[in-house]
Structures are given as C-alpha cells and as structure tokens.
N, C-alpha and C. Protein backbone atom coordinates (compact mmCIF):
# COMPACT_ATOMS: atom_id res chain seq x y z
N MET A 1 -18.75 6.05 -8.75
CA MET A 1 -18.02 5.23 -7.84
C MET A 1 -17.61 6.06 -6.60
N ARG A 2 -17.82 5.58 -5.42
CA ARG A 2 -17.57 6.28 -4.19
C ARG A 2 -16.12 5.86 -3.83
N VAL A 3 -15.33 6.83 -3.37
CA VAL A 3 -13.95 6.64 -2.99
C VAL A 3 -13.77 7.00 -1.57
N ASN A 4 -13.15 6.19 -0.79
CA ASN A 4 -12.85 6.49 0.59
C ASN A 4 -11.99 7.61 0.69
N PRO A 5 -12.34 8.77 1.27
CA PRO A 5 -11.43 9.94 1.21
C PRO A 5 -10.12 9.78 2.12
N ARG A 6 -9.98 8.65 2.77
CA ARG A 6 -8.79 8.39 3.55
C ARG A 6 -7.73 7.79 2.78
N LEU A 7 -8.16 7.20 1.55
CA LEU A 7 -7.23 6.50 0.68
C LEU A 7 -6.29 7.61 0.01
N LYS A 8 -5.06 7.21 -0.04
CA LYS A 8 -4.07 8.09 -0.86
C LYS A 8 -3.72 7.41 -2.13
N TYR A 9 -3.59 8.22 -3.14
CA TYR A 9 -3.09 7.58 -4.38
C TYR A 9 -1.71 8.10 -4.60
N ILE A 10 -0.84 7.07 -4.91
CA ILE A 10 0.56 7.28 -4.96
C ILE A 10 1.04 6.90 -6.39
N LYS A 11 1.76 7.84 -6.90
CA LYS A 11 2.46 7.61 -8.20
C LYS A 11 3.44 6.54 -8.13
N ASP A 12 3.63 5.75 -9.20
CA ASP A 12 4.70 4.74 -9.16
C ASP A 12 6.05 5.33 -9.02
N PRO A 13 6.83 4.97 -8.14
CA PRO A 13 8.16 5.48 -7.87
C PRO A 13 9.07 5.35 -9.04
N THR A 14 9.82 6.43 -9.26
CA THR A 14 10.83 6.39 -10.41
C THR A 14 12.25 6.09 -10.01
N ASN A 15 12.55 6.06 -8.64
CA ASN A 15 13.78 5.71 -8.19
C ASN A 15 13.76 5.03 -6.84
N ILE A 16 14.85 4.60 -6.35
CA ILE A 16 14.77 3.76 -5.13
C ILE A 16 14.45 4.58 -3.93
N PHE A 17 14.79 5.90 -3.90
CA PHE A 17 14.53 6.75 -2.84
C PHE A 17 12.98 6.89 -2.71
N GLU A 18 12.38 7.21 -3.86
CA GLU A 18 10.86 7.28 -3.84
C GLU A 18 10.20 6.00 -3.42
N ARG A 19 10.74 4.82 -3.88
CA ARG A 19 10.15 3.53 -3.51
C ARG A 19 10.27 3.27 -2.01
N PHE A 20 11.32 3.81 -1.32
CA PHE A 20 11.48 3.73 0.14
C PHE A 20 10.50 4.66 0.80
N GLN A 21 10.31 5.81 0.29
CA GLN A 21 9.22 6.72 0.80
C GLN A 21 7.87 6.18 0.72
N VAL A 22 7.51 5.54 -0.37
CA VAL A 22 6.24 4.96 -0.58
C VAL A 22 5.97 3.89 0.48
N ALA A 23 7.06 2.98 0.54
CA ALA A 23 6.98 1.91 1.56
C ALA A 23 6.90 2.39 2.96
N ASN A 24 7.53 3.45 3.32
CA ASN A 24 7.49 3.96 4.61
C ASN A 24 6.22 4.51 4.95
N THR A 25 5.54 5.25 3.96
CA THR A 25 4.17 5.69 4.07
C THR A 25 3.21 4.56 4.39
N CYS A 26 3.29 3.52 3.60
CA CYS A 26 2.33 2.36 3.76
C CYS A 26 2.60 1.75 5.10
N VAL A 27 3.86 1.54 5.57
CA VAL A 27 4.10 0.91 6.89
C VAL A 27 3.48 1.81 7.97
N ASN A 28 3.66 3.15 7.90
CA ASN A 28 3.17 3.99 9.03
C ASN A 28 1.62 4.12 8.90
N ASP A 29 1.05 4.41 7.64
CA ASP A 29 -0.32 4.59 7.55
C ASP A 29 -1.16 3.39 7.82
N LEU A 30 -0.60 2.14 7.57
CA LEU A 30 -1.35 0.86 7.88
C LEU A 30 -0.91 0.26 9.16
N ASN A 31 -0.03 0.81 9.98
CA ASN A 31 0.39 0.37 11.25
C ASN A 31 1.10 -1.02 11.07
N ILE A 32 1.82 -1.22 10.06
CA ILE A 32 2.44 -2.54 9.80
C ILE A 32 3.57 -2.79 10.74
N SER A 33 3.53 -3.92 11.48
CA SER A 33 4.53 -4.10 12.61
C SER A 33 5.56 -5.27 12.16
N ILE A 34 5.33 -5.88 11.01
CA ILE A 34 6.23 -6.98 10.59
C ILE A 34 7.30 -6.33 9.62
N PRO A 35 8.48 -7.08 9.57
CA PRO A 35 9.53 -6.56 8.72
C PRO A 35 9.01 -6.42 7.26
N THR A 36 9.32 -5.28 6.70
CA THR A 36 8.90 -4.92 5.38
C THR A 36 10.01 -4.87 4.36
N LEU A 37 10.13 -5.54 3.31
CA LEU A 37 11.24 -5.44 2.45
C LEU A 37 10.87 -4.64 1.21
N ILE A 38 11.80 -4.02 0.55
CA ILE A 38 11.71 -3.21 -0.67
C ILE A 38 12.42 -3.88 -1.79
N ASP A 39 11.79 -4.06 -3.01
CA ASP A 39 12.37 -4.62 -4.14
C ASP A 39 13.23 -3.52 -4.84
N ASP A 40 14.22 -3.98 -5.55
CA ASP A 40 15.00 -2.96 -6.28
C ASP A 40 14.11 -2.44 -7.49
N MET A 41 14.64 -1.48 -8.31
CA MET A 41 13.90 -0.85 -9.29
C MET A 41 13.73 -1.70 -10.47
N LYS A 42 14.45 -2.79 -10.52
CA LYS A 42 14.21 -3.77 -11.69
C LYS A 42 13.24 -4.88 -11.22
N ASN A 43 12.73 -4.77 -10.05
CA ASN A 43 11.73 -5.68 -9.43
C ASN A 43 12.22 -7.21 -9.52
N THR A 44 13.51 -7.37 -9.19
CA THR A 44 14.11 -8.71 -9.25
C THR A 44 13.48 -9.70 -8.41
N THR A 45 13.15 -9.32 -7.21
CA THR A 45 12.42 -10.20 -6.32
C THR A 45 11.04 -10.62 -6.88
N ALA A 46 10.33 -9.53 -7.30
CA ALA A 46 8.97 -9.85 -7.83
C ALA A 46 9.06 -10.83 -8.93
N ARG A 47 10.07 -10.65 -9.82
CA ARG A 47 10.25 -11.62 -10.97
C ARG A 47 10.63 -12.94 -10.55
N ALA A 48 11.44 -13.14 -9.55
CA ALA A 48 11.95 -14.43 -9.02
C ALA A 48 10.77 -15.22 -8.44
N TYR A 49 9.87 -14.54 -7.76
CA TYR A 49 8.81 -15.19 -6.92
C TYR A 49 7.51 -15.13 -7.54
N LYS A 50 7.32 -14.42 -8.76
CA LYS A 50 6.10 -14.27 -9.27
C LYS A 50 5.46 -15.57 -9.56
N GLY A 51 4.08 -15.59 -9.58
CA GLY A 51 3.32 -16.74 -10.00
C GLY A 51 2.14 -16.32 -10.82
N HIS A 52 2.07 -16.73 -11.92
CA HIS A 52 0.84 -16.40 -12.81
C HIS A 52 0.07 -17.65 -13.06
N PRO A 53 -1.02 -17.77 -12.58
CA PRO A 53 -1.76 -16.81 -11.78
C PRO A 53 -1.07 -16.66 -10.27
N ASP A 54 -1.72 -15.97 -9.40
CA ASP A 54 -1.18 -15.73 -8.15
C ASP A 54 -0.80 -17.05 -7.36
N ARG A 55 0.14 -16.89 -6.46
CA ARG A 55 0.52 -18.13 -5.73
C ARG A 55 0.86 -17.63 -4.32
N LEU A 56 0.74 -18.56 -3.33
CA LEU A 56 1.00 -18.25 -1.99
C LEU A 56 2.49 -18.83 -1.65
N TYR A 57 3.26 -17.96 -1.01
CA TYR A 57 4.50 -18.30 -0.58
C TYR A 57 4.77 -18.07 0.95
N LEU A 58 5.54 -18.91 1.66
CA LEU A 58 5.91 -18.62 2.94
C LEU A 58 7.38 -18.72 3.09
N VAL A 59 8.03 -17.67 3.50
CA VAL A 59 9.50 -17.51 3.57
C VAL A 59 9.85 -17.76 5.07
N GLY A 60 10.65 -18.74 5.33
CA GLY A 60 11.05 -19.06 6.67
C GLY A 60 12.02 -18.03 7.25
N LYS A 61 12.26 -18.11 8.55
CA LYS A 61 13.12 -17.15 9.20
C LYS A 61 14.61 -17.29 8.61
N ASP A 62 14.87 -18.35 8.12
CA ASP A 62 16.23 -18.65 7.52
C ASP A 62 16.29 -18.05 6.12
N GLY A 63 15.19 -17.39 5.53
CA GLY A 63 15.24 -16.89 4.25
C GLY A 63 14.92 -17.83 3.17
N LYS A 64 14.64 -19.07 3.41
CA LYS A 64 14.38 -20.18 2.40
C LYS A 64 12.88 -20.24 2.32
N ILE A 65 12.52 -20.68 1.17
CA ILE A 65 11.02 -20.92 0.92
C ILE A 65 10.57 -22.11 1.76
N ALA A 66 9.61 -21.90 2.70
CA ALA A 66 9.07 -22.92 3.56
C ALA A 66 7.87 -23.51 2.95
N TYR A 67 7.22 -22.80 2.05
CA TYR A 67 5.97 -23.40 1.43
C TYR A 67 5.84 -22.54 0.17
N GLN A 68 5.50 -23.38 -0.93
CA GLN A 68 5.11 -22.75 -2.15
C GLN A 68 3.84 -23.45 -2.65
N GLY A 69 2.73 -22.62 -2.73
CA GLY A 69 1.51 -23.20 -3.08
C GLY A 69 1.35 -23.29 -4.62
N ALA A 70 0.45 -24.01 -5.07
CA ALA A 70 0.06 -24.24 -6.46
C ALA A 70 -0.46 -22.89 -7.06
N PRO A 71 -0.39 -22.80 -8.33
CA PRO A 71 -1.03 -21.57 -8.99
C PRO A 71 -2.56 -21.39 -8.53
N GLY A 72 -2.87 -20.14 -8.16
CA GLY A 72 -4.16 -19.81 -7.70
C GLY A 72 -5.19 -19.47 -8.78
N PRO A 73 -6.45 -19.19 -8.35
CA PRO A 73 -6.97 -19.27 -7.04
C PRO A 73 -7.28 -20.75 -6.67
N MET A 74 -7.32 -21.67 -7.60
CA MET A 74 -7.66 -23.03 -7.23
C MET A 74 -6.56 -23.66 -6.35
N GLY A 75 -5.33 -23.25 -6.45
CA GLY A 75 -4.14 -23.68 -5.83
C GLY A 75 -4.06 -23.06 -4.35
N PHE A 76 -4.92 -22.19 -3.99
CA PHE A 76 -4.82 -21.61 -2.64
C PHE A 76 -5.39 -22.58 -1.61
N LYS A 77 -4.51 -23.34 -1.04
CA LYS A 77 -4.84 -24.25 -0.02
C LYS A 77 -4.44 -23.77 1.41
N THR A 78 -5.35 -23.03 2.01
CA THR A 78 -5.07 -22.36 3.30
C THR A 78 -4.76 -23.38 4.34
N GLU A 79 -5.31 -24.59 4.24
CA GLU A 79 -4.92 -25.57 5.37
C GLU A 79 -3.46 -25.91 5.25
N GLU A 80 -3.02 -26.02 3.93
CA GLU A 80 -1.53 -26.49 3.74
C GLU A 80 -0.58 -25.35 4.27
N ILE A 81 -0.92 -24.09 3.85
CA ILE A 81 -0.02 -23.07 4.44
C ILE A 81 -0.10 -22.82 5.88
N ALA A 82 -1.24 -23.15 6.42
CA ALA A 82 -1.51 -23.11 7.93
C ALA A 82 -0.47 -24.11 8.53
N VAL A 83 -0.43 -25.29 7.99
CA VAL A 83 0.47 -26.38 8.57
C VAL A 83 1.90 -25.90 8.45
N ALA A 84 2.30 -25.34 7.28
CA ALA A 84 3.62 -24.81 7.01
C ALA A 84 4.05 -23.79 8.10
N LEU A 85 3.11 -22.78 8.24
CA LEU A 85 3.33 -21.72 9.17
C LEU A 85 3.46 -22.21 10.62
N LYS A 86 2.68 -23.19 11.06
CA LYS A 86 2.82 -23.76 12.36
C LYS A 86 4.16 -24.43 12.55
N ALA A 87 4.58 -25.14 11.45
CA ALA A 87 5.90 -25.75 11.57
C ALA A 87 7.04 -24.71 11.71
N GLU A 88 6.90 -23.70 10.92
CA GLU A 88 7.96 -22.60 10.95
C GLU A 88 7.88 -21.96 12.36
N LEU A 89 6.77 -21.69 12.95
CA LEU A 89 6.71 -21.05 14.20
C LEU A 89 7.31 -21.96 15.29
N LYS A 90 6.97 -23.32 15.14
CA LYS A 90 7.62 -24.20 16.07
C LYS A 90 9.09 -24.09 16.07
N LYS A 91 9.79 -24.05 14.92
CA LYS A 91 11.19 -23.93 14.77
C LYS A 91 11.83 -22.88 15.54
N ILE A 92 11.00 -21.67 15.55
CA ILE A 92 11.61 -20.53 16.35
C ILE A 92 11.03 -20.44 17.76
N GLY A 93 10.28 -21.47 18.09
CA GLY A 93 9.84 -21.50 19.62
C GLY A 93 8.68 -20.58 19.87
N SER A 94 7.87 -20.29 18.86
CA SER A 94 6.67 -19.51 19.16
C SER A 94 5.43 -20.44 19.30
C-alpha cells in the first residue's frame, strides 16, 4: 500500500488539551476557515447526533437542526440538503 508522505498519523487524544491540539493541527494543515467545534472527552455531541448508518445534518446559525437526512447511504438526498442550505443562507442574507 502506498501512503502519501504528507499525511500525518495522530494518536487518539487522551485528554481535552490533546483533543484541542489535534483539532488545531487539522484546522491549520487543512486550511479550514469555517468554525470548528470540539466534542468533550465523553463524545457527548457525537452520541447525540450519531446516525447508524451515516446521516447528513445541517445545523442552522441559531444552533438548531435545520435538516436531518434519512439514514445513509440510501438516505443521502443531496437535493434536499441543498434546499435546506439555501433556506438557511437566505435567513442570514447570503
């Protein structure tokens, strides 16, 4: 297996400080310019929003769920989330 030498392998953080360091590395290395949130060490948010199988969510500027897709991959309806995203952007004047 060929591995991209630019990739970094990061050990799973064992405390919140390490989790912040890992997130900061990702934000910087990937040039992420959108707000980035960090879950607590109990993964409370991940447990609250998880979907098995995967699921698409859109969180509005007000912090409320603006769109919750059906379980994927068959539930991935990109046209539905696009409509929800346009509605959210319209609310904030973008």
